[in-house]
Structure formats: C-alpha cells, structure tokens
Amino acid sequence: MLRFYQRRGFVLAALHRDALAEARRHVIPLRDELELERLL
C-alpha cells in the first residue's frame, strides 16, 4: 500500500507509534499510523 503513494510523489513524514491502539481497540488491531506528505 505504501508503494502506491510513493509512486505518486508522497514521502514518509512521520511514524506515530501506537497512535491507533486505543482508537481501534474493538475493531481490527492496528497500532501505528504513517503520516505521508507531498509537496505541491
């Protein structure tokens, strides 16, 4: 999935570890959140 965005000029700007753990506690167990950005 990351490759899709990288091919369109997005770069990894930040990795927020455990950012989704609490929000997704009762759904699919996701933990980390990637932040992407693209300069225009």
PDB file of N, CA and C in Angstrom:
ATOM      1  N   MET A   1       0.818  -1.193   0.000  1.00  0.00           N
ATOM      2  CA  MET A   1       0.000   0.000   0.000  1.00  0.00           C
ATOM      3  C   MET A   1       0.865   1.261   0.000  1.00  0.00           C
ATOM      4  N   LEU A   2       1.946   1.257   0.720  1.00  0.00           N
ATOM      5  CA  LEU A   2       2.819   2.432   0.776  1.00  0.00           C
ATOM      6  C   LEU A   2       3.398   2.738  -0.603  1.00  0.00           C
ATOM      7  N   ARG A   3       3.694   1.717  -1.361  1.00  0.00           N
ATOM      8  CA  ARG A   3       4.253   1.902  -2.709  1.00  0.00           C
ATOM      9  C   ARG A   3       3.320   2.737  -3.583  1.00  0.00           C
ATOM     10  N   PHE A   4       2.013   2.543  -3.444  1.00  0.00           N
ATOM     11  CA  PHE A   4       1.024   3.299  -4.206  1.00  0.00           C
ATOM     12  C   PHE A   4       1.249   4.800  -4.023  1.00  0.00           C
ATOM     13  N   TYR A   5       1.407   5.235  -2.792  1.00  0.00           N
ATOM     14  CA  TYR A   5       1.589   6.655  -2.504  1.00  0.00           C
ATOM     15  C   TYR A   5       2.981   7.135  -2.895  1.00  0.00           C
ATOM     16  N   GLN A   6       3.988   6.334  -2.673  1.00  0.00           N
ATOM     17  CA  GLN A   6       5.346   6.734  -3.026  1.00  0.00           C
ATOM     18  C   GLN A   6       5.475   6.963  -4.531  1.00  0.00           C
ATOM     19  N   ARG A   7       4.814   6.169  -5.320  1.00  0.00           N
ATOM     20  CA  ARG A   7       4.856   6.345  -6.778  1.00  0.00           C
ATOM     21  C   ARG A   7       4.172   7.627  -7.218  1.00  0.00           C
ATOM     22  N   ARG A   8       3.363   8.210  -6.376  1.00  0.00           N
ATOM     23  CA  ARG A   8       2.664   9.451  -6.685  1.00  0.00           C
ATOM     24  C   ARG A   8       3.310  10.664  -6.033  1.00  0.00           C
ATOM     25  N   GLY A   9       4.526  10.485  -5.541  1.00  0.00           N
ATOM     26  CA  GLY A   9       5.285  11.612  -5.021  1.00  0.00           C
ATOM     27  C   GLY A   9       5.192  11.849  -3.530  1.00  0.00           C
ATOM     28  N   PHE A  10       4.483  10.992  -2.805  1.00  0.00           N
ATOM     29  CA  PHE A  10       4.384  11.149  -1.357  1.00  0.00           C
ATOM     30  C   PHE A  10       5.635  10.573  -0.695  1.00  0.00           C
ATOM     31  N   VAL A  11       6.044  11.168   0.401  1.00  0.00           N
ATOM     32  CA  VAL A  11       7.165  10.670   1.191  1.00  0.00           C
ATOM     33  C   VAL A  11       6.713  10.485   2.632  1.00  0.00           C
ATOM     34  N   LEU A  12       7.379   9.608   3.341  1.00  0.00           N
ATOM     35  CA  LEU A  12       7.060   9.368   4.743  1.00  0.00           C
ATOM     36  C   LEU A  12       7.526  10.560   5.560  1.00  0.00           C
ATOM     37  N   ALA A  13       6.599  11.212   6.228  1.00  0.00           N
ATOM     38  CA  ALA A  13       6.914  12.404   7.019  1.00  0.00           C
ATOM     39  C   ALA A  13       7.041  12.070   8.496  1.00  0.00           C
ATOM     40  N   ALA A  14       6.290  11.070   8.968  1.00  0.00           N
ATOM     41  CA  ALA A  14       6.326  10.724  10.384  1.00  0.00           C
ATOM     42  C   ALA A  14       5.727   9.344  10.598  1.00  0.00           C
ATOM     43  N   LEU A  15       6.143   8.721  11.675  1.00  0.00           N
ATOM     44  CA  LEU A  15       5.574   7.457  12.120  1.00  0.00           C
ATOM     45  C   LEU A  15       5.114   7.663  13.554  1.00  0.00           C
ATOM     46  N   HIS A  16       3.828   7.521  13.775  1.00  0.00           N
ATOM     47  CA  HIS A  16       3.259   7.710  15.108  1.00  0.00           C
ATOM     48  C   HIS A  16       3.008   6.330  15.715  1.00  0.00           C
ATOM     49  N   ARG A  17       3.915   5.883  16.542  1.00  0.00           N
ATOM     50  CA  ARG A  17       3.819   4.549  17.134  1.00  0.00           C
ATOM     51  C   ARG A  17       2.664   4.480  18.126  1.00  0.00           C
ATOM     52  N   ASP A  18       1.918   3.411  18.054  1.00  0.00           N
ATOM     53  CA  ASP A  18       0.782   3.142  18.949  1.00  0.00           C
ATOM     54  C   ASP A  18      -0.322   4.197  18.884  1.00  0.00           C
ATOM     55  N   ALA A  19      -0.372   4.973  17.825  1.00  0.00           N
ATOM     56  CA  ALA A  19      -1.378   6.038  17.715  1.00  0.00           C
ATOM     57  C   ALA A  19      -2.786   5.495  17.586  1.00  0.00           C
ATOM     58  N   LEU A  20      -2.938   4.322  17.008  1.00  0.00           N
ATOM     59  CA  LEU A  20      -4.273   3.792  16.763  1.00  0.00           C
ATOM     60  C   LEU A  20      -4.689   2.714  17.748  1.00  0.00           C
ATOM     61  N   ALA A  21      -3.828   2.347  18.643  1.00  0.00           N
ATOM     62  CA  ALA A  21      -4.119   1.237  19.559  1.00  0.00           C
ATOM     63  C   ALA A  21      -5.393   1.477  20.360  1.00  0.00           C
ATOM     64  N   GLU A  22      -5.539   2.637  20.911  1.00  0.00           N
ATOM     65  CA  GLU A  22      -6.710   2.933  21.729  1.00  0.00           C
ATOM     66  C   GLU A  22      -7.950   3.135  20.868  1.00  0.00           C
ATOM     67  N   ALA A  23      -7.804   3.830  19.771  1.00  0.00           N
ATOM     68  CA  ALA A  23      -8.946   4.134  18.916  1.00  0.00           C
ATOM     69  C   ALA A  23      -9.536   2.886  18.274  1.00  0.00           C
ATOM     70  N   ARG A  24      -8.710   1.903  17.998  1.00  0.00           N
ATOM     71  CA  ARG A  24      -9.161   0.699  17.308  1.00  0.00           C
ATOM     72  C   ARG A  24      -9.231  -0.518  18.218  1.00  0.00           C
ATOM     73  N   ARG A  25      -9.355  -0.303  19.481  1.00  0.00           N
ATOM     74  CA  ARG A  25      -9.304  -1.396  20.448  1.00  0.00           C
ATOM     75  C   ARG A  25     -10.355  -2.474  20.167  1.00  0.00           C
ATOM     76  N   HIS A  26     -11.508  -2.094  19.652  1.00  0.00           N
ATOM     77  CA  HIS A  26     -12.594  -3.055  19.453  1.00  0.00           C
ATOM     78  C   HIS A  26     -12.779  -3.468  17.998  1.00  0.00           C
ATOM     79  N   VAL A  27     -11.903  -3.023  17.145  1.00  0.00           N
ATOM     80  CA  VAL A  27     -12.016  -3.335  15.716  1.00  0.00           C
ATOM     81  C   VAL A  27     -10.751  -4.088  15.302  1.00  0.00           C
ATOM     82  N   ILE A  28     -10.320  -3.959  14.080  1.00  0.00           N
ATOM     83  CA  ILE A  28      -9.095  -4.591  13.591  1.00  0.00           C
ATOM     84  C   ILE A  28      -7.920  -4.036  14.396  1.00  0.00           C
ATOM     85  N   PRO A  29      -7.077  -4.901  14.927  1.00  0.00           N
ATOM     86  CA  PRO A  29      -5.973  -4.424  15.772  1.00  0.00           C
ATOM     87  C   PRO A  29      -4.868  -3.711  14.985  1.00  0.00           C
ATOM     88  N   LEU A  30      -5.005  -2.408  14.830  1.00  0.00           N
ATOM     89  CA  LEU A  30      -3.970  -1.569  14.227  1.00  0.00           C
ATOM     90  C   LEU A  30      -3.293  -0.793  15.344  1.00  0.00           C
ATOM     91  N   ARG A  31      -1.991  -0.543  15.189  1.00  0.00           N
ATOM     92  CA  ARG A  31      -1.275   0.165  16.243  1.00  0.00           C
ATOM     93  C   ARG A  31      -0.659   1.464  15.762  1.00  0.00           C
ATOM     94  N   ASP A  32       0.062   1.415  14.647  1.00  0.00           N
ATOM     95  CA  ASP A  32       0.857   2.559  14.224  1.00  0.00           C
ATOM     96  C   ASP A  32       0.186   3.311  13.078  1.00  0.00           C
ATOM     97  N   GLU A  33       0.525   4.565  12.963  1.00  0.00           N
ATOM     98  CA  GLU A  33      -0.035   5.416  11.925  1.00  0.00           C
ATOM     99  C   GLU A  33       1.117   6.035  11.144  1.00  0.00           C
ATOM    100  N   LEU A  34       1.050   5.937   9.817  1.00  0.00           N
ATOM    101  CA  LEU A  34       2.038   6.583   8.961  1.00  0.00           C
ATOM    102  C   LEU A  34       1.489   7.922   8.520  1.00  0.00           C
ATOM    103  N   GLU A  35       2.332   8.924   8.509  1.00  0.00           N
ATOM    104  CA  GLU A  35       1.945  10.245   8.024  1.00  0.00           C
ATOM    105  C   GLU A  35       2.729  10.509   6.751  1.00  0.00           C
ATOM    106  N   LEU A  36       2.013  10.747   5.661  1.00  0.00           N
ATOM    107  CA  LEU A  36       2.643  10.995   4.374  1.00  0.00           C
ATOM    108  C   LEU A  36       2.405  12.436   3.975  1.00  0.00           C
ATOM    109  N   GLU A  37       3.311  12.964   3.153  1.00  0.00           N
ATOM    110  CA  GLU A  37       3.106  14.308   2.636  1.00  0.00           C
ATOM    111  C   GLU A  37       3.617  14.382   1.211  1.00  0.00           C
ATOM    112  N   ARG A  38       3.082  15.322   0.454  1.00  0.00           N
ATOM    113  CA  ARG A  38       3.524  15.555  -0.917  1.00  0.00           C
ATOM    114  C   ARG A  38       3.622  17.060  -1.133  1.00  0.00           C
ATOM    115  N   LEU A  39       4.761  17.498  -1.549  1.00  0.00           N
ATOM    116  CA  LEU A  39       4.958  18.921  -1.811  1.00  0.00           C
ATOM    117  C   LEU A  39       4.307  19.287  -3.139  1.00  0.00           C
ATOM    118  N   LEU A  40       3.578  20.371  -3.152  1.00  0.00           N
ATOM    119  CA  LEU A  40       2.901  20.816  -4.374  1.00  0.00           C
ATOM    120  C   LEU A  40       3.650  21.954  -5.015  1.00  0.00           C
TER     121      LEU A  40
END
